[in-house]
Amino acid sequence: MSDHPPSLSKAPLGKASSYVDQYDASLLFPIARIDKRMEIGVPEGAAPFFGADMWTAFEVSWLNTRGKPQLAIAHITVPCESPNIIESKSFKLYLNSFNNTVFADFDGVTSALKRDLSTAAWKGHAVIGMVGVRLIQPQLFDAQPIHELDGLSLDRLDIDCSCYTPAPDLLHTETGGVPVSEVLVSNLLKSNCLVTGQPDWGSVQISYSGQAINQETLLQYIVSFRNHNEFHEQCVERIFMDIWTRCKPSKLTVYARYTRRGGLDINPYRTSHPAALPANIRTARQ
């Protein structure tokens, strides 16, 4: 069994970094999920959700055996059952280490990504699953779609907003109504990086079945993340748990797509029931 992930204080995020252009898997920096999950009431090994963190890497390049640069877009799927997230700056540094590294073919790059990312995601634990990796080759770039999250837009609502730190007390259901199934979306999700405070912009889709959630206060709740410092994956799990515990839907799915930074976007998906992951299709802002 490998050592446990180091503390967040040792992460490259927020620090000056040299850029290594020769393959180095040790650049990946895992961060344990458990501390933040305990903070929002998720007991270890008993999360009430399934899902994954879907990454898109737009800056993937290496050399072929003749020294000619190759490139691809990578879709990467990290199961939320993995004990660690992968810190995004370390991910970028790791991808940059491919830049002057020779790989025989696309399969060799895919295998290296899958092996190294799986090792990081399960660091400190036995690897019981694999990170999914799919490389999109340049001849398929033009076929990559752009599509906004489906659902009824909460942003149509004319509301007052005055709270910019997470306020789960805003969440409530309508009384006396019949159960509903709704898909609601907002482009007004914003949070900040836990370490650097840099803004993270996103869109969120909330699908649920149960007593109707008040849409105006749900939008106010989403806006309340505006000054909150937390990683993307942690924000989505916080949103899921706040709605799950306060509104008590019979089914719930929370899916966010954050705009890219450093050539990477992160799109966490959490659902209360087993379901196929959505297609990793970027929005216009991504």
Protein backbone atom coordinates (compact mmCIF):
# COMPACT_ATOMS: atom_id res chain seq x y z
CA MET A 1 0.00 0.00 0.00
CA SER A 2 1.34 3.45 -0.90
CA ASP A 3 1.77 6.33 1.48
CA HIS A 4 -1.23 8.49 2.23
CA PRO A 5 -1.66 11.75 0.27
CA PRO A 6 0.41 14.66 1.64
CA SER A 7 -1.27 17.66 3.24
CA LEU A 8 -2.75 20.38 1.04
CA SER A 9 -0.06 22.80 2.23
CA LYS A 10 2.44 20.84 0.14
CA ALA A 11 0.42 21.18 -3.07
CA PRO A 12 1.91 23.16 -5.99
CA LEU A 13 -1.25 25.28 -6.16
CA GLY A 14 -0.53 28.93 -5.36
CA LYS A 15 3.25 28.43 -5.54
CA ALA A 16 5.81 29.23 -8.23
CA SER A 17 6.50 26.08 -10.24
CA SER A 18 9.08 25.05 -12.78
CA TYR A 19 7.65 23.38 -15.85
CA VAL A 20 9.04 19.92 -16.51
CA ASP A 21 8.79 18.78 -20.14
CA GLN A 22 9.89 15.17 -19.63
CA TYR A 23 7.39 12.59 -18.41
CA ASP A 24 7.06 12.61 -14.61
CA ALA A 25 4.11 10.88 -12.93
CA SER A 26 5.27 12.06 -9.50
CA LEU A 27 4.00 15.55 -10.34
CA LEU A 28 0.40 14.44 -9.67
CA PHE A 29 -0.81 15.62 -6.25
CA PRO A 30 -3.77 13.75 -4.72
CA ILE A 31 -5.95 15.33 -2.02
CA ALA A 32 -8.04 13.13 0.27
CA ARG A 33 -11.81 13.60 -0.13
CA ILE A 34 -12.67 12.51 3.41
CA ASP A 35 -12.04 15.74 5.35
CA LYS A 36 -14.38 17.88 3.28
CA ARG A 37 -16.95 15.09 3.13
CA MET A 38 -17.03 14.82 6.91
CA GLU A 39 -17.49 18.60 7.06
CA ILE A 40 -20.75 18.31 5.09
CA GLY A 41 -21.99 15.23 6.92
CA VAL A 42 -20.86 12.42 4.62
CA PRO A 43 -19.57 9.50 6.72
CA GLU A 44 -16.53 7.64 5.43
CA GLY A 45 -17.54 4.79 3.16
CA ALA A 46 -21.24 5.70 3.26
CA ALA A 47 -21.75 8.53 0.76
CA PRO A 48 -25.40 8.84 -0.34
CA PHE A 49 -24.34 9.48 -3.92
CA PHE A 50 -22.68 7.94 -6.96
CA GLY A 51 -20.95 9.74 -9.80
CA ALA A 52 -17.65 10.98 -11.13
CA ASP A 53 -15.50 14.01 -11.81
CA MET A 54 -15.32 14.46 -15.58
CA TRP A 55 -12.30 16.42 -16.75
CA THR A 56 -11.50 17.79 -20.19
CA ALA A 57 -7.84 18.47 -20.96
CA PHE A 58 -7.38 20.73 -23.97
CA GLU A 59 -3.57 20.95 -23.84
CA VAL A 60 -2.24 17.41 -24.34
CA SER A 61 0.83 17.03 -26.55
CA TRP A 62 3.82 14.69 -26.92
CA LEU A 63 6.34 13.58 -29.56
CA ASN A 64 6.06 10.60 -31.88
CA THR A 65 9.02 8.33 -32.61
CA ARG A 66 10.22 10.74 -35.31
CA GLY A 67 10.13 13.71 -32.94
CA LYS A 68 7.04 15.27 -34.50
CA PRO A 69 4.61 16.86 -32.00
CA GLN A 70 1.27 15.13 -31.59
CA LEU A 71 -1.79 16.49 -29.83
CA ALA A 72 -5.21 15.49 -28.58
CA ILE A 73 -8.10 16.49 -26.35
CA ALA A 74 -8.48 14.17 -23.38
CA HIS A 75 -11.71 13.23 -21.62
CA ILE A 76 -10.91 11.88 -18.16
CA THR A 77 -13.38 10.32 -15.71
CA VAL A 78 -12.42 10.02 -12.03
CA PRO A 79 -14.97 7.92 -10.07
CA CYS A 80 -16.25 9.73 -6.98
CA GLU A 81 -15.70 6.47 -5.07
CA SER A 82 -11.96 7.09 -5.34
CA PRO A 83 -10.53 8.31 -2.01
CA ASN A 84 -8.73 11.29 -3.58
CA ILE A 85 -9.28 14.15 -5.94
CA ILE A 86 -6.36 15.24 -8.10
CA GLU A 87 -5.25 18.83 -7.59
CA SER A 88 -5.67 20.69 -10.86
CA LYS A 89 -2.35 22.55 -11.07
CA SER A 90 -0.47 19.30 -10.46
CA PHE A 91 -2.56 17.76 -13.25
CA LYS A 92 -1.48 20.56 -15.61
CA LEU A 93 2.18 20.18 -14.61
CA TYR A 94 1.91 16.43 -15.18
CA LEU A 95 0.39 16.93 -18.65
CA ASN A 96 3.14 19.40 -19.52
CA SER A 97 5.70 16.71 -18.69
CA PHE A 98 4.52 14.88 -21.82
CA ASN A 99 5.55 17.76 -24.09
CA ASN A 100 9.04 16.51 -25.00
CA THR A 101 8.41 12.85 -24.24
CA VAL A 102 8.30 10.25 -27.01
CA PHE A 103 5.34 7.85 -27.15
CA ALA A 104 4.97 5.25 -29.87
CA ASP A 105 1.28 5.92 -30.43
CA PHE A 106 -1.97 7.25 -28.96
CA ASP A 107 -2.52 3.99 -27.08
CA GLY A 108 0.75 4.49 -25.20
CA VAL A 109 -0.35 7.96 -24.06
CA THR A 110 -3.77 6.65 -23.03
CA SER A 111 -2.22 3.82 -21.02
CA ALA A 112 0.18 6.16 -19.19
CA LEU A 113 -2.63 8.58 -18.31
CA LYS A 114 -4.91 5.81 -17.10
CA ARG A 115 -2.22 4.17 -14.97
CA ASP A 116 -0.86 7.36 -13.39
CA LEU A 117 -4.21 9.01 -12.71
CA SER A 118 -5.63 5.81 -11.20
CA THR A 119 -2.58 5.50 -8.92
CA ALA A 120 -3.04 9.10 -7.73
CA ALA A 121 -6.81 8.81 -7.27
CA TRP A 122 -6.35 5.75 -5.04
CA LYS A 123 -3.08 6.79 -3.34
CA GLY A 124 -2.96 5.36 0.17
CA HIS A 125 -5.50 2.67 -0.72
CA ALA A 126 -5.71 -0.43 -2.84
CA VAL A 127 -6.70 0.52 -6.40
CA ILE A 128 -10.19 -0.90 -6.86
CA GLY A 129 -11.11 0.95 -10.05
CA MET A 130 -9.54 2.75 -12.95
CA VAL A 131 -9.78 6.33 -14.11
CA GLY A 132 -11.35 6.47 -17.56
CA VAL A 133 -9.34 8.11 -20.35
CA ARG A 134 -10.42 8.83 -23.92
CA LEU A 135 -8.22 10.74 -26.36
CA ILE A 136 -9.87 12.68 -29.17
CA GLN A 137 -7.60 12.95 -32.18
CA PRO A 138 -7.34 16.15 -34.27
CA GLN A 139 -9.35 14.80 -37.20
CA LEU A 140 -12.34 14.57 -34.84
CA PHE A 141 -12.00 18.06 -33.31
CA ASP A 142 -14.53 19.58 -35.71
CA ALA A 143 -17.16 17.04 -34.62
CA GLN A 144 -16.99 18.02 -30.93
CA PRO A 145 -20.36 19.49 -29.91
CA ILE A 146 -21.20 22.49 -27.74
CA HIS A 147 -24.44 22.30 -25.79
CA GLU A 148 -25.85 24.09 -22.76
CA LEU A 149 -27.21 22.12 -19.83
CA ASP A 150 -30.81 21.08 -20.42
CA GLY A 151 -33.54 22.20 -18.03
CA LEU A 152 -35.72 25.09 -16.90
CA SER A 153 -33.55 28.15 -16.31
CA LEU A 154 -33.65 29.53 -12.79
CA ASP A 155 -31.88 32.63 -14.07
CA ARG A 156 -35.18 33.87 -15.54
CA LEU A 157 -36.31 34.72 -12.01
CA ASP A 158 -36.08 38.35 -10.87
CA ILE A 159 -34.78 37.94 -7.32
CA ASP A 160 -32.96 39.93 -4.65
CA CYS A 161 -29.58 38.52 -3.61
CA SER A 162 -27.69 39.57 -0.51
CA CYS A 163 -25.94 36.41 0.72
CA TYR A 164 -22.67 35.34 -0.88
CA THR A 165 -21.54 32.50 1.38
CA PRO A 166 -23.34 29.14 1.33
CA ALA A 167 -26.72 29.48 3.04
CA PRO A 168 -28.53 26.11 3.15
CA ASP A 169 -31.24 27.69 5.31
CA LEU A 170 -32.52 29.29 2.10
CA LEU A 171 -33.59 25.90 0.77
CA HIS A 172 -37.16 24.80 1.34
CA THR A 173 -39.96 22.93 -0.39
CA GLU A 174 -43.43 24.18 -1.22
CA THR A 175 -46.07 23.00 1.22
CA GLY A 176 -49.17 21.07 0.27
CA GLY A 177 -48.19 20.28 -3.29
CA VAL A 178 -48.00 16.99 -5.13
CA PRO A 179 -44.56 15.47 -5.79
CA VAL A 180 -42.87 16.68 -8.96
CA SER A 181 -39.91 15.76 -11.14
CA GLU A 182 -37.95 18.76 -12.37
CA VAL A 183 -34.69 19.62 -14.09
CA LEU A 184 -33.49 23.12 -13.16
CA VAL A 185 -30.38 24.92 -14.40
CA SER A 186 -28.43 28.07 -13.62
CA ASN A 187 -25.37 29.72 -15.13
CA LEU A 188 -24.85 31.85 -12.00
CA LEU A 189 -22.73 29.41 -10.03
CA LYS A 190 -19.44 30.96 -8.94
CA SER A 191 -17.05 29.91 -6.23
CA ASN A 192 -13.35 30.50 -5.55
CA CYS A 193 -10.32 28.26 -5.43
CA LEU A 194 -9.75 26.94 -1.91
CA VAL A 195 -6.05 27.89 -2.00
CA THR A 196 -5.58 30.86 -4.35
CA GLY A 197 -9.00 32.53 -4.12
CA GLN A 198 -9.15 32.76 -7.93
CA PRO A 199 -12.72 32.75 -9.27
CA ASP A 200 -14.25 29.54 -10.61
CA TRP A 201 -17.20 30.08 -12.95
CA GLY A 202 -19.75 27.38 -13.61
CA SER A 203 -23.20 26.23 -14.63
CA VAL A 204 -25.22 23.78 -12.56
CA GLN A 205 -28.06 21.39 -13.33
CA ILE A 206 -30.25 20.07 -10.50
CA SER A 207 -32.59 17.17 -11.27
CA TYR A 208 -34.86 15.83 -8.57
CA SER A 209 -38.10 14.04 -7.73
CA GLY A 210 -40.05 14.91 -4.61
CA GLN A 211 -41.84 17.85 -3.06
CA ALA A 212 -41.35 20.95 -5.22
CA ILE A 213 -38.33 23.01 -4.21
CA ASN A 214 -38.93 26.74 -4.09
CA GLN A 215 -37.16 27.97 -7.21
CA GLU A 216 -36.48 31.54 -6.08
CA THR A 217 -34.73 30.50 -2.90
CA LEU A 218 -32.91 27.71 -4.74
CA LEU A 219 -31.43 30.34 -7.07
CA GLN A 220 -30.51 32.52 -4.08
CA TYR A 221 -28.80 29.47 -2.58
CA ILE A 222 -26.78 28.87 -5.77
CA VAL A 223 -25.74 32.55 -5.80
CA SER A 224 -24.68 32.22 -2.15
CA PHE A 225 -21.58 30.29 -3.26
CA ARG A 226 -20.21 33.43 -4.92
CA ASN A 227 -17.55 34.20 -2.28
CA HIS A 228 -17.06 30.63 -1.07
CA ASN A 229 -13.59 29.05 -1.23
CA GLU A 230 -13.76 25.35 -2.12
CA PHE A 231 -12.71 23.03 -4.91
CA HIS A 232 -15.22 22.23 -7.67
CA GLU A 233 -15.83 18.66 -6.52
CA GLN A 234 -16.41 19.80 -2.94
CA CYS A 235 -18.88 22.52 -3.97
CA VAL A 236 -21.00 20.05 -5.91
CA GLU A 237 -21.05 17.59 -3.03
CA ARG A 238 -22.01 20.41 -0.65
CA ILE A 239 -24.88 21.43 -2.94
CA PHE A 240 -26.01 17.81 -3.17
CA MET A 241 -25.94 17.27 0.59
CA ASP A 242 -27.69 20.56 1.41
CA ILE A 243 -30.57 19.78 -0.96
CA TRP A 244 -30.65 16.10 0.06
CA THR A 245 -30.88 16.83 3.79
CA ARG A 246 -33.08 19.95 3.73
CA CYS A 247 -35.50 19.19 0.89
CA LYS A 248 -35.49 15.38 1.19
CA PRO A 249 -36.14 14.49 -2.47
CA SER A 250 -36.63 10.84 -3.33
CA LYS A 251 -34.08 11.24 -6.15
CA LEU A 252 -31.45 13.91 -6.71
CA THR A 253 -28.73 14.63 -9.25
CA VAL A 254 -26.38 17.63 -9.19
CA TYR A 255 -24.15 18.23 -12.21
CA ALA A 256 -21.87 21.24 -12.64
CA ARG A 257 -19.70 22.29 -15.54
CA TYR A 258 -16.96 24.75 -14.65
CA THR A 259 -15.08 26.90 -17.15
CA ARG A 260 -11.55 25.83 -17.92
CA ARG A 261 -8.44 27.17 -16.26
CA GLY A 262 -4.94 26.20 -17.40
CA GLY A 263 -6.38 24.15 -20.24
CA LEU A 264 -8.52 22.01 -17.90
CA ASP A 265 -12.18 22.00 -17.04
CA ILE A 266 -13.74 19.97 -14.21
CA ASN A 267 -17.32 18.76 -14.31
CA PRO A 268 -18.49 16.94 -11.16
CA TYR A 269 -21.60 14.75 -11.31
CA ARG A 270 -23.32 13.35 -8.20
CA THR A 271 -26.54 11.34 -8.15
CA SER A 272 -28.52 9.50 -5.48
CA HIS A 273 -29.21 6.51 -7.70
CA PRO A 274 -27.11 4.48 -10.13
CA ALA A 275 -27.25 6.07 -13.56
CA ALA A 276 -25.15 6.43 -16.68
CA LEU A 277 -22.86 9.45 -16.67
CA PRO A 278 -23.89 12.28 -18.99
CA ALA A 279 -21.88 12.79 -22.15
CA ASN A 280 -18.90 15.07 -21.48
CA ILE A 281 -20.10 17.88 -23.77
CA ARG A 282 -18.78 21.36 -23.11
CA THR A 283 -20.93 24.45 -22.80
CA ALA A 284 -20.27 27.65 -24.75
CA ARG A 285 -18.32 29.21 -21.87
CA GLN A 286 -16.01 26.23 -21.62
